[in-house]
Protein backbone atom coordinates (compact mmCIF):
# COMPACT_ATOMS: atom_id res chain seq x y z
CA MET A 1 0.08 0.33 -0.05
CA LEU A 2 0.99 3.25 0.31
CA ILE A 3 1.10 4.81 3.20
CA GLY A 4 0.97 8.69 2.76
CA MET A 5 2.82 11.10 0.54
CA LYS A 6 4.31 14.07 0.67
CA ASN A 7 1.97 16.84 -0.69
CA LEU A 8 0.03 13.58 -2.38
CA ASN A 9 2.66 14.58 -5.49
CA SER A 10 5.31 12.27 -7.31
CA GLU A 11 8.85 13.32 -6.16
CA LYS A 12 12.42 12.68 -7.63
CA SER A 13 15.02 10.84 -5.79
CA GLY A 14 18.31 10.37 -7.14
CA GLY A 15 16.43 10.83 -10.47
CA ARG A 16 13.73 8.31 -10.05
CA LEU A 17 10.17 8.93 -9.09
CA SER A 18 9.66 7.69 -5.74
CA ALA A 19 7.88 4.48 -5.52
CA ARG A 20 6.38 4.79 -1.89
CA SER A 21 5.50 8.07 -2.59
CA ASN A 22 3.27 7.68 -5.79
CA ALA A 23 2.02 4.00 -4.35
CA ILE A 24 1.02 5.83 -1.46
CA LEU A 25 -1.60 7.52 -3.03
CA LEU A 26 -2.75 6.15 -5.99
CA PHE A 27 -4.01 2.88 -5.20
CA VAL A 28 -7.10 2.88 -4.15
CA LEU A 29 -9.46 4.63 -4.38
CA THR A 30 -11.82 2.55 -5.98
CA LEU A 31 -11.66 -0.51 -5.41
CA PHE A 32 -13.93 -3.54 -6.01
CA LEU A 33 -17.16 -3.70 -3.90
CA LEU A 34 -19.25 -5.38 -6.51
CA SER A 35 -23.10 -5.39 -5.44
CA PHE A 36 -23.49 -8.72 -4.04
CA PHE A 37 -21.02 -7.64 -1.29
CA VAL A 38 -23.89 -5.25 0.31
CA GLN A 39 -25.39 -8.63 1.30
CA VAL A 40 -23.05 -9.87 3.48
CA ILE A 41 -22.16 -7.06 5.26
CA HIS A 42 -23.56 -6.19 8.73
CA LYS A 43 -26.49 -3.53 9.47
CA PRO A 44 -24.80 -0.57 11.27
CA LEU A 45 -25.94 -0.34 14.80
CA ALA A 46 -25.41 2.94 17.37
CA GLU A 47 -21.77 2.31 17.64
CA ARG A 48 -19.32 -0.46 17.01
CA ILE A 49 -15.52 -1.08 17.45
CA PHE A 50 -13.04 -2.31 14.80
CA SER A 51 -9.10 -2.75 13.92
CA LEU A 52 -7.63 -2.09 10.88
CA THR A 53 -4.00 -3.58 10.69
CA ILE A 54 -1.82 -3.03 7.46
CA ARG A 55 1.81 -4.36 7.24
CA VAL A 56 3.61 -3.13 4.30
CA THR A 57 6.94 -4.84 2.64
CA LEU A 58 9.27 -2.80 0.11
CA GLU A 59 11.14 -5.22 -2.07
CA ASN A 60 14.25 -4.82 -4.22
CA ARG A 61 15.56 -7.12 -6.48
CA ASN A 62 17.15 -4.92 -8.52
CA THR A 63 20.81 -6.34 -8.32
CA GLN A 64 22.66 -2.83 -8.75
CA ILE A 65 20.41 0.11 -7.97
CA VAL A 66 19.41 1.00 -4.11
CA TRP A 67 15.90 2.08 -3.55
CA ASN A 68 16.41 5.35 -1.75
CA LEU A 69 13.59 5.93 0.39
CA THR A 70 12.14 10.05 0.65
CA GLU A 71 10.17 11.29 3.69
CA SER A 72 7.15 10.41 1.92
CA ASP A 73 7.72 6.55 1.96
CA ARG A 74 7.78 6.84 5.08
CA ALA A 75 4.62 8.53 5.51
CA ILE A 76 1.21 7.10 6.85
CA GLY A 77 -2.49 8.71 6.51
CA LEU A 78 -4.78 9.12 9.31
CA PHE A 79 -8.41 8.87 9.11
CA ALA A 80 -10.66 11.90 9.61
CA ASN A 81 -12.38 12.22 13.50
CA ASN A 82 -15.95 13.61 13.03
CA SER A 83 -19.51 13.51 14.81
CA TRP A 84 -20.19 9.70 13.08
CA GLN A 85 -16.62 8.13 13.59
CA GLU A 86 -13.59 8.03 16.15
CA VAL A 87 -10.24 7.23 15.11
CA TYR A 88 -7.33 5.94 17.10
CA LEU A 89 -3.76 5.24 15.62
CA THR A 90 -2.58 2.64 18.43
CA ARG A 91 0.44 1.06 17.08
CA THR A 92 3.22 1.07 14.97
CA SER A 93 6.38 -0.85 14.48
CA HIS A 94 8.65 2.87 13.99
CA GLY A 95 7.96 5.34 15.99
CA VAL A 96 6.35 8.89 14.98
CA GLU A 97 8.72 11.62 13.82
CA ARG A 98 6.26 14.45 13.06
CA THR A 99 2.85 14.80 11.32
CA TYR A 100 1.79 17.35 8.64
CA ARG A 101 -1.03 18.06 6.29
CA ASP A 102 -1.33 17.31 2.84
CA SER A 103 -2.08 19.74 -0.27
CA ASN A 104 -5.60 18.47 0.23
CA GLY A 105 -5.98 19.02 3.89
CA ASN A 106 -5.57 15.49 5.14
CA LEU A 107 -2.95 14.56 8.08
CA MET A 108 -0.18 12.67 7.44
CA ALA A 109 2.21 11.16 10.09
CA ILE A 110 6.34 10.68 9.41
CA LEU A 111 7.40 7.42 10.75
CA ASP A 112 10.96 6.62 12.07
CA PHE A 113 12.96 4.65 10.01
CA SER A 114 16.36 3.86 10.77
CA ARG A 115 17.10 2.78 7.52
CA ARG A 116 16.82 5.39 4.89
CA ALA A 117 17.70 3.44 1.93
CA ILE A 118 16.95 -0.57 0.75
CA GLU A 119 19.70 -2.45 -0.82
CA PRO A 120 19.65 -4.51 -4.06
CA GLY A 121 18.25 -8.05 -2.83
CA GLY A 122 17.30 -6.38 0.49
CA LYS A 123 13.28 -5.96 2.05
CA LEU A 124 11.79 -3.03 4.57
CA HIS A 125 8.65 -3.89 6.68
CA PHE A 126 6.63 -2.01 8.71
CA ASN A 127 2.78 -1.96 10.01
CA PHE A 128 0.77 0.16 12.03
CA THR A 129 -3.03 -0.82 13.74
CA TYR A 130 -5.89 1.60 14.17
CA ILE A 131 -8.90 1.48 16.54
CA LEU A 132 -12.00 2.50 14.65
CA ILE A 133 -15.26 3.78 16.55
CA TYR A 134 -18.57 3.42 14.20
CA ARG A 135 -21.42 5.96 15.37
CA GLU A 136 -25.08 5.84 13.98
CA ARG A 137 -25.29 8.12 11.23
CA MET A 138 -28.19 9.88 9.87
CA LEU A 139 -28.81 12.03 6.42
CA PRO A 140 -31.31 15.27 6.36
CA SER A 141 -34.51 14.14 4.26
CA VAL A 142 -33.67 15.54 1.23
CA SER A 143 -36.14 16.17 -1.43
CA GLU A 144 -36.19 17.81 -4.98
CA ASN A 145 -38.96 20.34 -4.05
CA GLU A 146 -36.60 21.76 -0.85
CA SER A 147 -33.39 21.94 -2.81
CA GLY A 148 -31.64 24.98 -3.48
CA LYS A 149 -30.77 26.89 -6.88
CA ILE A 150 -27.44 26.89 -8.41
CA TYR A 151 -27.82 30.67 -7.49
CA ASP A 152 -27.70 29.44 -3.47
CA ILE A 153 -24.42 28.16 -4.01
CA PRO A 154 -21.78 30.36 -2.02
CA GLU A 155 -19.83 31.68 -4.30
CA GLU A 156 -16.36 30.90 -2.69
CA LEU A 157 -16.98 27.42 -2.47
CA ARG A 158 -17.77 27.90 -6.61
CA ARG A 159 -14.39 29.32 -7.22
CA ARG A 160 -12.76 26.38 -4.90
CA TYR A 161 -14.64 23.36 -5.98
CA CYS A 162 -15.62 24.07 -9.57
CA GLN A 163 -12.59 24.63 -11.64
CA PRO A 164 -11.50 22.07 -14.14
CA THR A 165 -7.87 20.39 -12.56
CA LYS A 166 -5.80 17.86 -14.34
CA LEU A 167 -8.25 15.07 -12.68
CA TRP A 168 -11.52 16.52 -13.25
CA GLN A 169 -10.94 18.16 -16.73
CA SER A 170 -14.50 19.60 -16.88
CA ASN A 171 -13.16 22.28 -19.60
CA ILE A 172 -13.08 19.14 -22.38
CA SER A 173 -15.92 20.45 -24.52
CA VAL A 174 -17.29 17.33 -24.52
CA LEU A 175 -17.46 16.70 -21.34
CA MET A 176 -18.95 20.46 -20.80
CA GLU A 177 -21.28 19.82 -23.58
CA LYS A 178 -22.70 17.21 -22.10
CA ALA A 179 -23.23 18.12 -18.98
CA LEU A 180 -24.92 21.38 -20.12
CA GLU A 181 -27.17 18.79 -22.37
CA ILE A 182 -28.31 16.77 -19.47
CA ALA A 183 -28.75 19.93 -16.87
CA GLY A 184 -30.93 21.75 -19.61
CA ASP A 185 -32.61 24.93 -18.46
CA GLU A 186 -32.70 23.15 -14.48
CA THR A 187 -31.85 25.40 -11.87
CA ASN A 188 -32.71 23.25 -9.09
CA VAL A 189 -29.32 21.46 -7.51
CA LEU A 190 -30.69 18.43 -6.46
CA LYS A 191 -32.84 17.96 -10.06
CA ILE A 192 -29.95 18.73 -11.86
CA VAL A 193 -27.53 15.62 -9.65
CA LYS A 194 -30.79 13.62 -10.29
CA ARG A 195 -30.06 13.76 -14.04
CA PHE A 196 -26.44 13.13 -13.71
CA ILE A 197 -26.97 10.16 -11.94
CA MET A 198 -29.36 8.63 -14.06
CA TRP A 199 -27.62 9.62 -16.92
CA ILE A 200 -24.25 7.89 -15.43
CA THR A 201 -26.26 4.60 -14.09
CA LYS A 202 -27.61 4.09 -17.91
CA GLU A 203 -24.60 4.76 -19.83
CA ILE A 204 -21.69 3.77 -17.90
CA ARG A 205 -21.46 0.21 -16.53
CA TYR A 206 -19.08 -1.23 -13.94
CA ARG A 207 -15.90 -2.46 -14.71
CA SER A 208 -12.50 -2.08 -13.17
CA SER A 209 -9.15 -2.06 -14.60
CA GLU A 210 -5.72 -1.89 -13.20
CA LEU A 211 -5.28 1.89 -13.43
CA PRO A 212 -7.55 4.81 -12.78
CA ARG A 213 -9.23 6.63 -15.71
CA TYR A 214 -9.72 9.80 -16.22
CA PRO A 215 -13.45 11.32 -16.53
CA ILE A 216 -13.01 11.23 -20.54
CA GLU A 217 -12.19 7.78 -20.63
CA THR A 218 -15.02 6.77 -18.75
CA PHE A 219 -17.03 8.94 -20.49
CA SER A 220 -15.65 7.58 -24.12
CA SER A 221 -15.40 3.92 -22.80
CA GLY A 222 -18.49 3.46 -21.67
CA GLU A 223 -17.39 1.71 -18.22
CA GLY A 224 -15.58 2.75 -15.06
CA ASP A 225 -15.53 1.43 -11.61
CA CYS A 226 -16.85 3.43 -8.49
CA ASP A 227 -13.82 6.07 -8.34
CA ASP A 228 -13.88 6.24 -12.14
CA GLN A 229 -18.09 6.86 -12.16
CA ALA A 230 -17.25 9.52 -8.93
CA ASN A 231 -14.86 11.57 -10.86
CA LEU A 232 -17.47 11.63 -13.89
CA LEU A 233 -20.37 12.71 -11.77
CA ILE A 234 -17.90 15.53 -10.38
CA THR A 235 -16.37 16.82 -13.52
CA PHE A 236 -20.02 16.94 -14.94
CA CYS A 237 -21.14 18.97 -11.90
CA ARG A 238 -18.22 21.47 -12.26
CA ALA A 239 -18.89 21.78 -15.29
CA VAL A 240 -22.16 23.57 -14.51
CA GLY A 241 -21.22 25.11 -11.53
CA ILE A 242 -22.00 22.54 -8.96
CA PRO A 243 -18.92 22.29 -6.13
CA ALA A 244 -17.93 18.58 -5.59
CA TYR A 245 -14.97 16.36 -4.97
CA LEU A 246 -13.84 12.89 -4.39
CA GLN A 247 -13.86 10.98 -1.00
CA VAL A 248 -12.35 7.63 -0.21
CA GLY A 249 -12.92 4.77 2.73
CA CYS A 250 -13.21 1.55 3.86
CA ILE A 251 -16.07 -0.82 4.59
CA TYR A 252 -15.87 -3.54 6.93
CA ILE A 253 -16.90 -6.69 5.06
CA ARG A 254 -17.31 -9.93 7.53
CA GLY A 255 -16.11 -13.25 6.10
CA TRP A 256 -14.47 -11.93 3.12
CA SER A 257 -11.42 -11.69 1.55
CA SER A 258 -8.87 -11.17 -1.42
CA SER A 259 -5.54 -11.32 -2.92
CA LYS A 260 -4.43 -9.78 -6.09
CA SER A 261 -1.44 -8.76 -8.18
CA TYR A 262 -0.99 -5.57 -10.37
CA TYR A 263 1.57 -3.90 -12.54
CA ASP A 264 2.73 -7.35 -13.40
CA GLY A 265 2.95 -8.81 -10.05
CA HIS A 266 5.06 -5.58 -8.67
CA LEU A 267 1.94 -4.26 -6.32
CA LEU A 268 0.32 -7.06 -4.13
CA PHE A 269 -2.27 -6.29 -1.76
CA LYS A 270 -4.13 -8.84 0.16
CA GLN A 271 -7.29 -7.52 2.18
CA VAL A 272 -9.23 -9.48 4.65
CA GLU A 273 -12.76 -8.34 5.92
CA VAL A 274 -11.97 -4.60 4.44
CA GLY A 275 -12.69 -3.09 0.78
CA TRP A 276 -11.82 0.52 -0.06
CA HIS A 277 -14.14 2.27 -2.09
CA GLY A 278 -14.25 5.93 -3.37
CA TRP A 279 -17.54 8.39 -3.85
CA ALA A 280 -18.72 12.12 -4.67
CA MET A 281 -19.22 14.54 -2.41
CA VAL A 282 -21.75 17.10 -3.67
CA PHE A 283 -22.79 20.76 -2.50
CA ILE A 284 -26.55 20.70 -2.40
CA PRO A 285 -28.37 23.74 -1.09
CA PRO A 286 -29.94 23.82 1.76
CA TRP A 287 -28.21 20.72 2.91
CA GLY A 288 -24.36 21.24 2.24
CA TRP A 289 -22.41 18.75 1.39
CA LEU A 290 -24.03 15.15 0.57
CA PRO A 291 -22.23 11.80 -0.14
CA VAL A 292 -23.46 10.66 -3.67
CA ASP A 293 -22.27 7.23 -3.92
CA LEU A 294 -22.96 5.52 -7.99
CA THR A 295 -21.61 1.61 -7.51
CA TYR A 296 -21.85 1.00 -3.81
CA VAL A 297 -25.70 1.54 -2.43
CA GLU A 298 -28.79 -0.55 -1.29
CA GLY A 299 -31.69 -0.14 -4.25
CA ASP A 300 -31.87 0.39 -7.61
CA LEU A 301 -30.49 3.79 -9.09
CA LYS A 302 -32.36 3.73 -12.39
CA SER A 303 -35.74 3.52 -10.79
CA GLU A 304 -34.51 5.55 -7.24
CA PRO A 305 -32.02 7.59 -8.16
CA LEU A 306 -31.70 9.54 -5.15
CA LYS A 307 -31.01 6.33 -3.18
CA SER A 308 -27.20 7.43 -4.29
CA ILE A 309 -27.66 9.61 -1.42
CA THR A 310 -29.82 8.32 1.18
CA ALA A 311 -28.71 4.49 0.79
CA SER A 312 -25.20 5.58 0.23
CA ALA A 313 -22.75 2.86 1.83
CA ILE A 314 -21.11 5.40 4.03
CA VAL A 315 -25.10 5.88 5.68
CA LYS A 316 -25.84 2.06 5.62
CA HIS A 317 -23.02 0.29 6.25
CA PHE A 318 -19.71 0.10 8.57
CA THR A 319 -17.83 2.88 6.35
CA PHE A 320 -14.86 4.70 7.92
CA GLN A 321 -14.17 8.02 6.02
CA TYR A 322 -10.66 8.36 5.15
CA MET A 323 -9.37 10.96 2.84
CA ASN A 324 -10.71 13.91 0.65
CA ILE A 325 -9.25 14.38 -2.37
CA THR A 326 -9.68 17.54 -3.90
CA GLU A 327 -7.43 18.44 -6.44
CA LEU A 328 -4.43 15.55 -6.40
CA ASP A 329 -4.47 14.14 -10.37
CA TYR A 330 -3.66 10.44 -8.67
CA ALA A 331 -4.64 8.91 -12.02
CA ALA A 332 -1.45 10.30 -12.96
CA GLU A 333 0.18 9.08 -9.93
CA ALA A 334 -0.89 5.38 -10.60
CA ARG A 335 0.71 5.80 -13.91
CA ALA A 336 3.94 6.72 -12.47
CA LEU A 337 3.90 4.49 -9.78
CA LYS A 338 3.37 1.24 -12.46
CA SER A 339 6.71 2.41 -14.72
CA PHE A 340 8.41 3.35 -11.69
CA LEU A 341 8.10 -0.37 -9.94
CA GLU A 342 8.09 -2.26 -13.36
CA SER A 343 11.28 -0.60 -14.79
CA HIS A 344 13.41 -0.57 -11.04
CA GLU A 345 12.33 -4.31 -10.04
CA PHE A 346 11.07 -2.90 -7.04
CA TYR A 347 7.82 -4.77 -5.41
CA ILE A 348 5.48 -3.54 -3.05
CA TYR A 349 3.19 -6.30 -0.24
CA GLU A 350 0.48 -5.00 1.18
CA GLU A 351 -2.07 -6.66 3.59
CA ASP A 352 -5.09 -4.82 5.42
CA ILE A 353 -7.15 -6.95 7.94
CA MET A 354 -9.61 -5.37 9.73
CA ARG A 355 -11.40 -7.28 12.88
CA GLU A 356 -14.89 -6.16 15.14
CA GLU A 357 -13.55 -5.80 18.36
CA THR A 358 -15.77 -6.59 21.79
CA TYR A 359 -13.58 -4.65 23.91
CA ASN A 360 -14.36 -1.52 25.85
CA ILE A 361 -12.19 1.59 24.23
CA LEU A 362 -11.71 2.71 27.97
CA HIS A 363 -9.58 0.01 28.06
CA LEU A 364 -7.20 0.57 25.62
CA SER A 365 -3.79 0.97 25.77
CA ILE A 366 -3.84 4.07 23.32
CA ARG A 367 -0.14 4.63 22.14
CA ARG A 368 -0.75 7.54 20.39
CA PRO A 369 -4.33 9.11 19.84
CA ILE A 370 -5.23 11.00 16.88
CA MET A 371 -8.30 13.57 17.42
CA LEU A 372 -8.22 15.96 15.03
CA PRO A 373 -10.91 16.61 12.60
CA THR A 374 -9.36 16.61 9.51
CA LEU A 375 -9.16 13.86 6.68
CA ILE A 376 -6.40 11.88 6.12
CA LEU A 377 -4.79 9.70 3.45
CA ARG A 378 -4.61 6.34 2.06
CA VAL A 379 -4.97 5.88 -1.14
CA PHE A 380 -4.86 2.84 -2.59
CA ARG A 381 -6.30 1.80 -5.90
CA GLN A 382 -7.35 -2.02 -5.90
CA ARG A 383 -9.38 -3.27 -8.75
CA SER A 384 -11.86 -6.36 -9.00
CA ALA A 385 -11.07 -8.85 -11.44
């Protein structure tokens, strides 16, 4: 996995891209999360406690080149703390040197590795564990009649969350024209978002891939997985002046496990009772920011498109908010990571294990609590077969 990255951007290390920093952010986001998983997840109750342990091995199979580790390679992400969840970093294999915020405002922790390089034929192992407390969550009751209009959206939010970016290319003519065509002359924000949901549900089929797709690729191919579809929705929203960005998190999936390799075997993920997911956050007045999930919901979006909000994974299942992506072009990061690992004979192995716990949180030996109201990092991009 990659855990954390300085400014969540690719870096140069000795003239080479830092694998860890790129890896840290890219995977993920999106993961598999097929619809049948909905049937095996426990329904949320008022409060539940989980642990998430992540074990990572970096291996240098190159016989000549040293893998120089950057500070970003030692970074791990910290979950958000809010009214829906409380998260503690309870154990790490290495001490925590310091913390910082990335370019998306997420909080990162830097581990204190004694080694700063991996010699040819060498390996580096590290691990860390979180305790996650889930609390019952409720969204406001939304209805088209009560929704605000486009002109009700604060101008400050438009400036920050409606601009085209390298990832959300809302200024590409074909995407902008399609968004305007779908929205028509409608000004009711919820009705516009509903139209976008209906179009994507009808025109884009669920299909995963090894690398994340840009919205124009999802649009042109007619296929994409959770974050691919979310990013197309975000692009449509930004094109018509509705603020939107991407959010990612993990979901507890009892009894499920998966092991998959990517990048010609250079990236290996094993997941036990946990899946990673991505969804859109859209500003809809008067309610504010609401999750819009196009791929992991309870209900049929073709007949009930607003279920993407009211029956989304973050509302209906044991989902933990992990990170905001407001500007990072993680699609480019993924491509850079793939090239870096394959060209240098570097390998990354990660195992994520999530368990439901029965002990009282008050009895925990908390080594270093993270109690900050921010979203933090973790981006792995895992794809279903």
